[in-house]
Amino acid sequence: MASEHDADILEAELLIPDVPKLARRYPESLPRPRLHARWIEEEDVSLAFIEIGDIAMHVETTDDDLAWHLHVGGHDGPPLDGSPWDEKTTKALLLWMEEFAGKVHSCLELIDEDIFDAIDLFEAGATSAPLSSAGFDPDEWATFTKKDFLVFRVAAPGEAEPQIWTGTGDAWHLHDEERDGDAELLWASPGSDDPIHLGAVMMSPETELPATFANPGINWDDVGMTESDAMDWLLREHRNCVWASTIHDALTEAVLDMLAGFSAPIVSPHR
């Protein structure tokens, strides 16, 4: 895997209109937080993760409400009752958090879509992903100004591998929600909507590397691919997915650092 020094730098252009500085200030007595967020599309919920030293704050925001709680020892650590900081620091942190989480919630859905579009271009071999007007109403597009288009640059850990399924029908991978990093290979014959589980890729607890396992009883002649080639396809698909997830996280964190005021916005030079 490439180091940050020799890795490719990927540039994503994102549309983020109206990004004034936060009125509330993050407490200077606290270490700079590590920020991450996720958009839950099915529920229109944004989840913000604010890691301050060994204390992790989880914030769930909807259009109507905001809820938060703390963990000690990282995001997977046990819940923490009360605040580990003094009253003045806690009050300042909560005021900052509420404003920051509200800003994240207001724009995360659009940003998340743009990041995934950028990753599609990166997987195709591009190192720069400009925004297209194709997904916007022309009148809406005309309302945006140059300062609404911002660029974010992240170091890529390696690169995506070209992926072509050369068998029959359609193949795709499905992640195991209970085992992070594992995925199954599903295949449907031409004209069929009933998928067959061909095998899986699992992270070895001993080596921490992915290993593939084909399911027994598969007619590989029907699949139109040998077992070895299908498992190799799954392994490359898994690597691409891990790569894309890493890029997605890095871009999201870069955006959040800007929204929080820890980095300055960079207006796109392409407009």
C-alpha atoms as a PDB file:
ATOM      1  CA  MET A   1       0.000   0.000   0.000  1.00  0.00           C
ATOM      2  CA  ALA A   2       1.361   3.405  -0.948  1.00  0.00           C
ATOM      3  CA  SER A   3       2.435   5.841   1.718  1.00  0.00           C
ATOM      4  CA  GLU A   4       0.933   9.314   1.798  1.00  0.00           C
ATOM      5  CA  HIS A   5       4.229  10.642   0.420  1.00  0.00           C
ATOM      6  CA  ASP A   6       4.059   8.684  -2.834  1.00  0.00           C
ATOM      7  CA  ALA A   7       0.287   8.149  -3.095  1.00  0.00           C
ATOM      8  CA  ASP A   8      -1.820   9.751  -5.801  1.00  0.00           C
ATOM      9  CA  ILE A   9      -3.672  12.874  -4.710  1.00  0.00           C
ATOM     10  CA  LEU A  10      -7.341  12.710  -5.642  1.00  0.00           C
ATOM     11  CA  GLU A  11      -9.302  15.934  -6.049  1.00  0.00           C
ATOM     12  CA  ALA A  12     -13.077  16.120  -5.676  1.00  0.00           C
ATOM     13  CA  GLU A  13     -15.086  19.212  -6.529  1.00  0.00           C
ATOM     14  CA  LEU A  14     -18.122  19.485  -4.255  1.00  0.00           C
ATOM     15  CA  LEU A  15     -21.058  21.864  -4.238  1.00  0.00           C
ATOM     16  CA  ILE A  16     -21.383  23.442  -0.780  1.00  0.00           C
ATOM     17  CA  PRO A  17     -23.265  26.745  -0.961  1.00  0.00           C
ATOM     18  CA  ASP A  18     -23.600  29.046   2.035  1.00  0.00           C
ATOM     19  CA  VAL A  19     -20.801  27.987   4.377  1.00  0.00           C
ATOM     20  CA  PRO A  20     -20.408  30.895   6.825  1.00  0.00           C
ATOM     21  CA  LYS A  21     -18.143  30.380   9.812  1.00  0.00           C
ATOM     22  CA  LEU A  22     -19.670  28.871  12.907  1.00  0.00           C
ATOM     23  CA  ALA A  23     -20.772  31.491  15.409  1.00  0.00           C
ATOM     24  CA  ARG A  24     -19.789  29.239  18.308  1.00  0.00           C
ATOM     25  CA  ARG A  25     -16.144  28.430  18.953  1.00  0.00           C
ATOM     26  CA  TYR A  26     -14.757  25.018  19.802  1.00  0.00           C
ATOM     27  CA  PRO A  27     -13.191  25.116  23.290  1.00  0.00           C
ATOM     28  CA  GLU A  28      -9.477  25.883  22.983  1.00  0.00           C
ATOM     29  CA  SER A  29      -8.736  23.859  26.119  1.00  0.00           C
ATOM     30  CA  LEU A  30      -9.744  20.627  24.352  1.00  0.00           C
ATOM     31  CA  PRO A  31      -7.622  18.772  21.796  1.00  0.00           C
ATOM     32  CA  ARG A  32      -8.660  19.192  18.174  1.00  0.00           C
ATOM     33  CA  PRO A  33     -11.337  16.576  17.467  1.00  0.00           C
ATOM     34  CA  ARG A  34     -11.355  13.975  14.748  1.00  0.00           C
ATOM     35  CA  LEU A  35     -14.621  14.317  12.840  1.00  0.00           C
ATOM     36  CA  HIS A  36     -16.660  11.886  10.816  1.00  0.00           C
ATOM     37  CA  ALA A  37     -20.288  11.648   9.708  1.00  0.00           C
ATOM     38  CA  ARG A  38     -22.719   9.362   7.908  1.00  0.00           C
ATOM     39  CA  TRP A  39     -25.968  10.052   6.127  1.00  0.00           C
ATOM     40  CA  ILE A  40     -28.708   7.442   6.722  1.00  0.00           C
ATOM     41  CA  GLU A  41     -30.768   7.845   3.556  1.00  0.00           C
ATOM     42  CA  GLU A  42     -33.667   5.621   4.573  1.00  0.00           C
ATOM     43  CA  GLU A  43     -34.324   7.699   7.687  1.00  0.00           C
ATOM     44  CA  ASP A  44     -33.109  11.191   6.653  1.00  0.00           C
ATOM     45  CA  VAL A  45     -30.797  11.111   9.654  1.00  0.00           C
ATOM     46  CA  SER A  46     -27.247  12.396   9.922  1.00  0.00           C
ATOM     47  CA  LEU A  47     -24.833  10.814  12.376  1.00  0.00           C
ATOM     48  CA  ALA A  48     -21.849  12.882  13.474  1.00  0.00           C
ATOM     49  CA  PHE A  49     -18.908  11.300  15.291  1.00  0.00           C
ATOM     50  CA  ILE A  50     -16.714  13.716  17.268  1.00  0.00           C
ATOM     51  CA  GLU A  51     -13.646  12.093  18.794  1.00  0.00           C
ATOM     52  CA  ILE A  52     -11.946  14.222  21.464  1.00  0.00           C
ATOM     53  CA  GLY A  53      -8.944  12.373  22.834  1.00  0.00           C
ATOM     54  CA  ASP A  54     -10.305   9.113  24.244  1.00  0.00           C
ATOM     55  CA  ILE A  55     -13.861  10.489  24.477  1.00  0.00           C
ATOM     56  CA  ALA A  56     -16.201   9.888  21.532  1.00  0.00           C
ATOM     57  CA  MET A  57     -19.367  11.926  21.091  1.00  0.00           C
ATOM     58  CA  HIS A  58     -22.141  10.466  18.916  1.00  0.00           C
ATOM     59  CA  VAL A  59     -24.695  12.966  17.597  1.00  0.00           C
ATOM     60  CA  GLU A  60     -27.900  11.947  15.795  1.00  0.00           C
ATOM     61  CA  THR A  61     -29.683  14.775  13.982  1.00  0.00           C
ATOM     62  CA  THR A  62     -33.013  14.888  12.161  1.00  0.00           C
ATOM     63  CA  ASP A  63     -34.914  17.837  10.707  1.00  0.00           C
ATOM     64  CA  ASP A  64     -36.708  18.212  14.048  1.00  0.00           C
ATOM     65  CA  ASP A  65     -34.408  16.937  16.777  1.00  0.00           C
ATOM     66  CA  LEU A  66     -30.856  16.318  17.974  1.00  0.00           C
ATOM     67  CA  ALA A  67     -29.651  13.691  20.440  1.00  0.00           C
ATOM     68  CA  TRP A  68     -26.158  12.881  21.680  1.00  0.00           C
ATOM     69  CA  HIS A  69     -24.243  10.632  24.043  1.00  0.00           C
ATOM     70  CA  LEU A  70     -20.620   9.931  25.001  1.00  0.00           C
ATOM     71  CA  HIS A  71     -18.372   6.886  24.931  1.00  0.00           C
ATOM     72  CA  VAL A  72     -15.043   6.484  26.724  1.00  0.00           C
ATOM     73  CA  GLY A  73     -12.135   4.697  25.079  1.00  0.00           C
ATOM     74  CA  GLY A  74     -13.247   5.388  21.496  1.00  0.00           C
ATOM     75  CA  HIS A  75     -16.439   4.956  19.493  1.00  0.00           C
ATOM     76  CA  ASP A  76     -16.810   1.293  20.478  1.00  0.00           C
ATOM     77  CA  GLY A  77     -16.101   1.918  24.156  1.00  0.00           C
ATOM     78  CA  PRO A  78     -18.654   1.815  26.963  1.00  0.00           C
ATOM     79  CA  PRO A  79     -21.171   4.660  27.371  1.00  0.00           C
ATOM     80  CA  LEU A  80     -20.123   7.525  29.610  1.00  0.00           C
ATOM     81  CA  ASP A  81     -22.601   9.107  32.011  1.00  0.00           C
ATOM     82  CA  GLY A  82     -22.042  12.782  32.648  1.00  0.00           C
ATOM     83  CA  SER A  83     -19.229  14.912  31.221  1.00  0.00           C
ATOM     84  CA  PRO A  84     -15.483  14.426  31.801  1.00  0.00           C
ATOM     85  CA  TRP A  85     -14.954  18.193  31.404  1.00  0.00           C
ATOM     86  CA  ASP A  86     -15.741  21.098  33.696  1.00  0.00           C
ATOM     87  CA  GLU A  87     -19.081  22.876  33.442  1.00  0.00           C
ATOM     88  CA  LYS A  88     -17.805  25.872  31.437  1.00  0.00           C
ATOM     89  CA  THR A  89     -15.990  23.689  28.871  1.00  0.00           C
ATOM     90  CA  THR A  90     -18.937  21.321  28.571  1.00  0.00           C
ATOM     91  CA  LYS A  91     -21.370  24.166  27.945  1.00  0.00           C
ATOM     92  CA  ALA A  92     -19.130  25.702  25.268  1.00  0.00           C
ATOM     93  CA  LEU A  93     -18.624  22.294  23.615  1.00  0.00           C
ATOM     94  CA  LEU A  94     -22.351  21.559  23.482  1.00  0.00           C
ATOM     95  CA  LEU A  95     -23.158  24.952  21.964  1.00  0.00           C
ATOM     96  CA  TRP A  96     -20.481  24.391  19.297  1.00  0.00           C
ATOM     97  CA  MET A  97     -21.617  20.806  18.705  1.00  0.00           C
ATOM     98  CA  GLU A  98     -25.252  21.790  18.182  1.00  0.00           C
ATOM     99  CA  GLU A  99     -24.352  24.414  15.581  1.00  0.00           C
ATOM    100  CA  PHE A 100     -21.838  22.131  13.855  1.00  0.00           C
ATOM    101  CA  ALA A 101     -24.211  19.139  13.770  1.00  0.00           C
ATOM    102  CA  GLY A 102     -26.992  21.312  12.370  1.00  0.00           C
ATOM    103  CA  LYS A 103     -24.752  22.532   9.549  1.00  0.00           C
ATOM    104  CA  VAL A 104     -23.654  18.967   8.795  1.00  0.00           C
ATOM    105  CA  HIS A 105     -27.249  17.774   8.705  1.00  0.00           C
ATOM    106  CA  SER A 106     -28.304  20.526   6.306  1.00  0.00           C
ATOM    107  CA  CYS A 107     -25.790  19.616   3.614  1.00  0.00           C
ATOM    108  CA  LEU A 108     -24.523  16.074   4.237  1.00  0.00           C
ATOM    109  CA  GLU A 109     -26.994  14.342   1.899  1.00  0.00           C
ATOM    110  CA  LEU A 110     -25.915  16.391  -1.118  1.00  0.00           C
ATOM    111  CA  ILE A 111     -22.230  16.164  -0.205  1.00  0.00           C
ATOM    112  CA  ASP A 112     -22.460  12.388   0.237  1.00  0.00           C
ATOM    113  CA  GLU A 113     -23.983  11.973  -3.238  1.00  0.00           C
ATOM    114  CA  ASP A 114     -21.245  14.122  -4.789  1.00  0.00           C
ATOM    115  CA  ILE A 115     -18.520  12.143  -2.998  1.00  0.00           C
ATOM    116  CA  PHE A 116     -19.896   8.844  -4.301  1.00  0.00           C
ATOM    117  CA  ASP A 117     -20.044  10.319  -7.824  1.00  0.00           C
ATOM    118  CA  ALA A 118     -16.414  11.406  -7.472  1.00  0.00           C
ATOM    119  CA  ILE A 119     -15.400   7.922  -6.315  1.00  0.00           C
ATOM    120  CA  ASP A 120     -17.022   6.437  -9.437  1.00  0.00           C
ATOM    121  CA  LEU A 121     -14.723   8.628 -11.541  1.00  0.00           C
ATOM    122  CA  PHE A 122     -11.696   7.732  -9.424  1.00  0.00           C
ATOM    123  CA  GLU A 123     -12.448   4.023  -9.862  1.00  0.00           C
ATOM    124  CA  ALA A 124     -12.484   4.614 -13.624  1.00  0.00           C
ATOM    125  CA  GLY A 125      -8.947   5.993 -13.415  1.00  0.00           C
ATOM    126  CA  ALA A 126      -9.485   9.739 -12.986  1.00  0.00           C
ATOM    127  CA  THR A 127      -7.589  11.723 -10.346  1.00  0.00           C
ATOM    128  CA  SER A 128      -9.867  14.772 -10.551  1.00  0.00           C
ATOM    129  CA  ALA A 129     -13.661  14.714 -10.293  1.00  0.00           C
ATOM    130  CA  PRO A 130     -15.354  17.967 -11.423  1.00  0.00           C
ATOM    131  CA  LEU A 131     -19.061  18.439 -10.826  1.00  0.00           C
ATOM    132  CA  SER A 132     -21.487  18.119 -13.718  1.00  0.00           C
ATOM    133  CA  SER A 133     -24.625  20.188 -14.200  1.00  0.00           C
ATOM    134  CA  ALA A 134     -26.421  17.133 -15.614  1.00  0.00           C
ATOM    135  CA  GLY A 135     -28.094  16.265 -12.315  1.00  0.00           C
ATOM    136  CA  PHE A 136     -29.467  19.754 -11.706  1.00  0.00           C
ATOM    137  CA  ASP A 137     -32.342  21.779 -13.036  1.00  0.00           C
ATOM    138  CA  PRO A 138     -30.815  24.481 -15.293  1.00  0.00           C
ATOM    139  CA  ASP A 139     -32.454  27.294 -13.319  1.00  0.00           C
ATOM    140  CA  GLU A 140     -31.120  25.876 -10.042  1.00  0.00           C
ATOM    141  CA  TRP A 141     -27.629  25.416 -11.500  1.00  0.00           C
ATOM    142  CA  ALA A 142     -27.646  29.051 -12.626  1.00  0.00           C
ATOM    143  CA  THR A 143     -28.107  30.228  -9.032  1.00  0.00           C
ATOM    144  CA  PHE A 144     -24.760  28.817  -7.868  1.00  0.00           C
ATOM    145  CA  THR A 145     -21.711  31.061  -7.791  1.00  0.00           C
ATOM    146  CA  LYS A 146     -18.014  30.260  -8.083  1.00  0.00           C
ATOM    147  CA  LYS A 147     -17.550  30.294  -4.312  1.00  0.00           C
ATOM    148  CA  ASP A 148     -20.134  27.512  -3.955  1.00  0.00           C
ATOM    149  CA  PHE A 149     -17.801  25.029  -5.686  1.00  0.00           C
ATOM    150  CA  LEU A 150     -15.079  23.855  -3.319  1.00  0.00           C
ATOM    151  CA  VAL A 151     -12.293  21.354  -3.869  1.00  0.00           C
ATOM    152  CA  PHE A 152     -10.950  18.782  -1.437  1.00  0.00           C
ATOM    153  CA  ARG A 153      -7.780  16.762  -1.964  1.00  0.00           C
ATOM    154  CA  VAL A 154      -6.911  13.481  -0.253  1.00  0.00           C
ATOM    155  CA  ALA A 155      -4.089  10.974  -0.566  1.00  0.00           C
ATOM    156  CA  ALA A 156      -5.202   7.708  -2.167  1.00  0.00           C
ATOM    157  CA  PRO A 157      -4.014   4.446  -0.559  1.00  0.00           C
ATOM    158  CA  GLY A 158      -3.090   2.557  -3.718  1.00  0.00           C
ATOM    159  CA  GLU A 159      -5.539   2.544  -6.586  1.00  0.00           C
ATOM    160  CA  ALA A 160      -8.733   0.876  -7.741  1.00  0.00           C
ATOM    161  CA  GLU A 161      -8.447  -2.164 -10.027  1.00  0.00           C
ATOM    162  CA  PRO A 162     -10.397  -2.453 -13.310  1.00  0.00           C
ATOM    163  CA  GLN A 163     -13.319  -4.830 -12.838  1.00  0.00           C
ATOM    164  CA  ILE A 164     -15.094  -6.749 -15.620  1.00  0.00           C
ATOM    165  CA  TRP A 165     -17.370  -9.732 -14.983  1.00  0.00           C
ATOM    166  CA  THR A 166     -16.638 -12.108 -17.861  1.00  0.00           C
ATOM    167  CA  GLY A 167     -19.065 -14.849 -16.862  1.00  0.00           C
ATOM    168  CA  THR A 168     -22.730 -15.160 -17.732  1.00  0.00           C
ATOM    169  CA  GLY A 169     -25.535 -13.231 -16.043  1.00  0.00           C
ATOM    170  CA  ASP A 170     -24.873 -10.649 -13.366  1.00  0.00           C
ATOM    171  CA  ALA A 171     -22.609 -10.781 -10.308  1.00  0.00           C
ATOM    172  CA  TRP A 172     -22.302  -8.464  -7.323  1.00  0.00           C
ATOM    173  CA  HIS A 173     -21.067  -8.516  -3.757  1.00  0.00           C
ATOM    174  CA  LEU A 174     -23.117  -8.040  -0.592  1.00  0.00           C
ATOM    175  CA  HIS A 175     -21.553  -6.988   2.700  1.00  0.00           C
ATOM    176  CA  ASP A 176     -22.203  -8.818   5.941  1.00  0.00           C
ATOM    177  CA  GLU A 177     -23.585  -6.160   8.303  1.00  0.00           C
ATOM    178  CA  GLU A 178     -22.562  -8.186  11.375  1.00  0.00           C
ATOM    179  CA  ARG A 179     -18.969  -8.841  10.278  1.00  0.00           C
ATOM    180  CA  ASP A 180     -17.215  -5.699   9.084  1.00  0.00           C
ATOM    181  CA  GLY A 181     -15.045  -6.384   6.032  1.00  0.00           C
ATOM    182  CA  ASP A 182     -16.731  -9.644   4.964  1.00  0.00           C
ATOM    183  CA  ALA A 183     -18.809  -9.956   1.802  1.00  0.00           C
ATOM    184  CA  GLU A 184     -20.637 -12.605  -0.230  1.00  0.00           C
ATOM    185  CA  LEU A 185     -20.529 -13.076  -3.994  1.00  0.00           C
ATOM    186  CA  LEU A 186     -24.035 -13.280  -5.468  1.00  0.00           C
ATOM    187  CA  TRP A 187     -24.761 -14.356  -9.044  1.00  0.00           C
ATOM    188  CA  ALA A 188     -27.945 -14.470 -11.115  1.00  0.00           C
ATOM    189  CA  SER A 189     -28.190 -16.350 -14.383  1.00  0.00           C
ATOM    190  CA  PRO A 190     -29.389 -14.445 -17.467  1.00  0.00           C
ATOM    191  CA  GLY A 191     -33.038 -13.444 -17.063  1.00  0.00           C
ATOM    192  CA  SER A 192     -33.235 -14.620 -13.455  1.00  0.00           C
ATOM    193  CA  ASP A 193     -34.014 -12.520 -10.381  1.00  0.00           C
ATOM    194  CA  ASP A 194     -33.129 -15.339  -7.968  1.00  0.00           C
ATOM    195  CA  PRO A 195     -29.476 -14.936  -6.901  1.00  0.00           C
ATOM    196  CA  ILE A 196     -27.184 -17.815  -5.984  1.00  0.00           C
ATOM    197  CA  HIS A 197     -24.479 -17.447  -3.334  1.00  0.00           C
ATOM    198  CA  LEU A 198     -21.236 -18.430  -5.051  1.00  0.00           C
ATOM    199  CA  GLY A 199     -18.834 -17.786  -2.184  1.00  0.00           C
ATOM    200  CA  ALA A 200     -17.493 -15.219   0.239  1.00  0.00           C
ATOM    201  CA  VAL A 201     -14.485 -13.121   1.121  1.00  0.00           C
ATOM    202  CA  MET A 202     -13.569 -12.956   4.803  1.00  0.00           C
ATOM    203  CA  MET A 203     -10.923 -11.106   6.758  1.00  0.00           C
ATOM    204  CA  SER A 204      -8.599 -13.588   8.434  1.00  0.00           C
ATOM    205  CA  PRO A 205      -8.237 -12.795  12.168  1.00  0.00           C
ATOM    206  CA  GLU A 206      -4.709 -14.251  12.078  1.00  0.00           C
ATOM    207  CA  THR A 207      -3.285 -12.397   9.059  1.00  0.00           C
ATOM    208  CA  GLU A 208      -5.846  -9.522   8.840  1.00  0.00           C
ATOM    209  CA  LEU A 209      -5.872 -10.182   5.101  1.00  0.00           C
ATOM    210  CA  PRO A 210      -8.875 -11.135   2.925  1.00  0.00           C
ATOM    211  CA  ALA A 211      -9.359 -14.781   1.959  1.00  0.00           C
ATOM    212  CA  THR A 212     -11.963 -16.209  -0.427  1.00  0.00           C
ATOM    213  CA  PHE A 213     -14.074 -19.350  -0.056  1.00  0.00           C
ATOM    214  CA  ALA A 214     -16.241 -20.863  -2.810  1.00  0.00           C
ATOM    215  CA  ASN A 215     -19.492 -22.556  -1.824  1.00  0.00           C
ATOM    216  CA  PRO A 216     -19.817 -26.270  -2.635  1.00  0.00           C
ATOM    217  CA  GLY A 217     -22.210 -27.592  -5.259  1.00  0.00           C
ATOM    218  CA  ILE A 218     -21.829 -24.714  -7.726  1.00  0.00           C
ATOM    219  CA  ASN A 219     -22.096 -25.545 -11.439  1.00  0.00           C
ATOM    220  CA  TRP A 220     -19.305 -23.294 -12.664  1.00  0.00           C
ATOM    221  CA  ASP A 221     -20.113 -24.113 -16.288  1.00  0.00           C
ATOM    222  CA  ASP A 222     -23.459 -22.339 -15.772  1.00  0.00           C
ATOM    223  CA  VAL A 223     -21.676 -19.401 -14.180  1.00  0.00           C
ATOM    224  CA  GLY A 224     -19.450 -19.189 -17.253  1.00  0.00           C
ATOM    225  CA  MET A 225     -16.366 -18.679 -15.117  1.00  0.00           C
ATOM    226  CA  THR A 226     -14.014 -21.008 -13.320  1.00  0.00           C
ATOM    227  CA  GLU A 227     -14.134 -21.115  -9.535  1.00  0.00           C
ATOM    228  CA  SER A 228     -10.640 -19.640  -9.401  1.00  0.00           C
ATOM    229  CA  ASP A 229     -11.487 -16.735 -11.726  1.00  0.00           C
ATOM    230  CA  ALA A 230     -14.741 -15.974  -9.874  1.00  0.00           C
ATOM    231  CA  MET A 231     -12.983 -15.888  -6.503  1.00  0.00           C
ATOM    232  CA  ASP A 232     -10.255 -13.689  -7.977  1.00  0.00           C
ATOM    233  CA  TRP A 233     -12.984 -11.309  -9.237  1.00  0.00           C
ATOM    234  CA  LEU A 234     -14.510 -11.224  -5.756  1.00  0.00           C
ATOM    235  CA  LEU A 235     -11.132 -10.482  -4.170  1.00  0.00           C
ATOM    236  CA  ARG A 236     -10.531  -7.545  -6.519  1.00  0.00           C
ATOM    237  CA  GLU A 237     -14.098  -6.308  -5.934  1.00  0.00           C
ATOM    238  CA  HIS A 238     -13.470  -6.460  -2.200  1.00  0.00           C
ATOM    239  CA  ARG A 239     -10.204  -4.525  -2.530  1.00  0.00           C
ATOM    240  CA  ASN A 240     -11.948  -1.869  -4.605  1.00  0.00           C
ATOM    241  CA  CYS A 241     -14.703  -1.574  -2.016  1.00  0.00           C
ATOM    242  CA  VAL A 242     -12.206  -1.125   0.828  1.00  0.00           C
ATOM    243  CA  TRP A 243     -10.323   1.431  -1.285  1.00  0.00           C
ATOM    244  CA  ALA A 244     -13.528   3.356  -2.083  1.00  0.00           C
ATOM    245  CA  SER A 245     -14.572   3.312   1.579  1.00  0.00           C
ATOM    246  CA  THR A 246     -11.197   4.754   2.584  1.00  0.00           C
ATOM    247  CA  ILE A 247     -11.477   7.544  -0.001  1.00  0.00           C
ATOM    248  CA  HIS A 248     -15.077   8.270   1.059  1.00  0.00           C
ATOM    249  CA  ASP A 249     -14.052   8.580   4.713  1.00  0.00           C
ATOM    250  CA  ALA A 250     -11.069  10.796   3.890  1.00  0.00           C
ATOM    251  CA  LEU A 251     -13.141  13.183   1.752  1.00  0.00           C
ATOM    252  CA  THR A 252     -15.941  13.298   4.337  1.00  0.00           C
ATOM    253  CA  GLU A 253     -13.472  14.139   7.106  1.00  0.00           C
ATOM    254  CA  ALA A 254     -11.872  16.862   4.959  1.00  0.00           C
ATOM    255  CA  VAL A 255     -15.293  18.440   4.388  1.00  0.00           C
ATOM    256  CA  LEU A 256     -16.165  18.254   8.087  1.00  0.00           C
ATOM    257  CA  ASP A 257     -12.875  19.884   9.078  1.00  0.00           C
ATOM    258  CA  MET A 258     -13.772  22.763   6.755  1.00  0.00           C
ATOM    259  CA  LEU A 259     -17.336  23.040   8.049  1.00  0.00           C
ATOM    260  CA  ALA A 260     -16.032  23.049  11.623  1.00  0.00           C
ATOM    261  CA  GLY A 261     -13.593  25.850  10.832  1.00  0.00           C
ATOM    262  CA  PHE A 262     -10.418  23.783  11.291  1.00  0.00           C
ATOM    263  CA  SER A 263      -9.406  24.294   7.629  1.00  0.00           C
ATOM    264  CA  ALA A 264     -10.128  27.028   5.103  1.00  0.00           C
ATOM    265  CA  PRO A 265     -12.423  26.411   2.115  1.00  0.00           C
ATOM    266  CA  ILE A 266     -10.647  26.174  -1.250  1.00  0.00           C
ATOM    267  CA  VAL A 267     -12.698  27.645  -4.079  1.00  0.00           C
ATOM    268  CA  SER A 268     -12.555  25.474  -7.170  1.00  0.00           C
ATOM    269  CA  PRO A 269     -10.111  26.697  -9.844  1.00  0.00           C
ATOM    270  CA  HIS A 270     -12.229  24.969 -12.484  1.00  0.00           C
ATOM    271  CA  ARG A 271     -15.120  27.485 -12.490  1.00  0.00           C
END
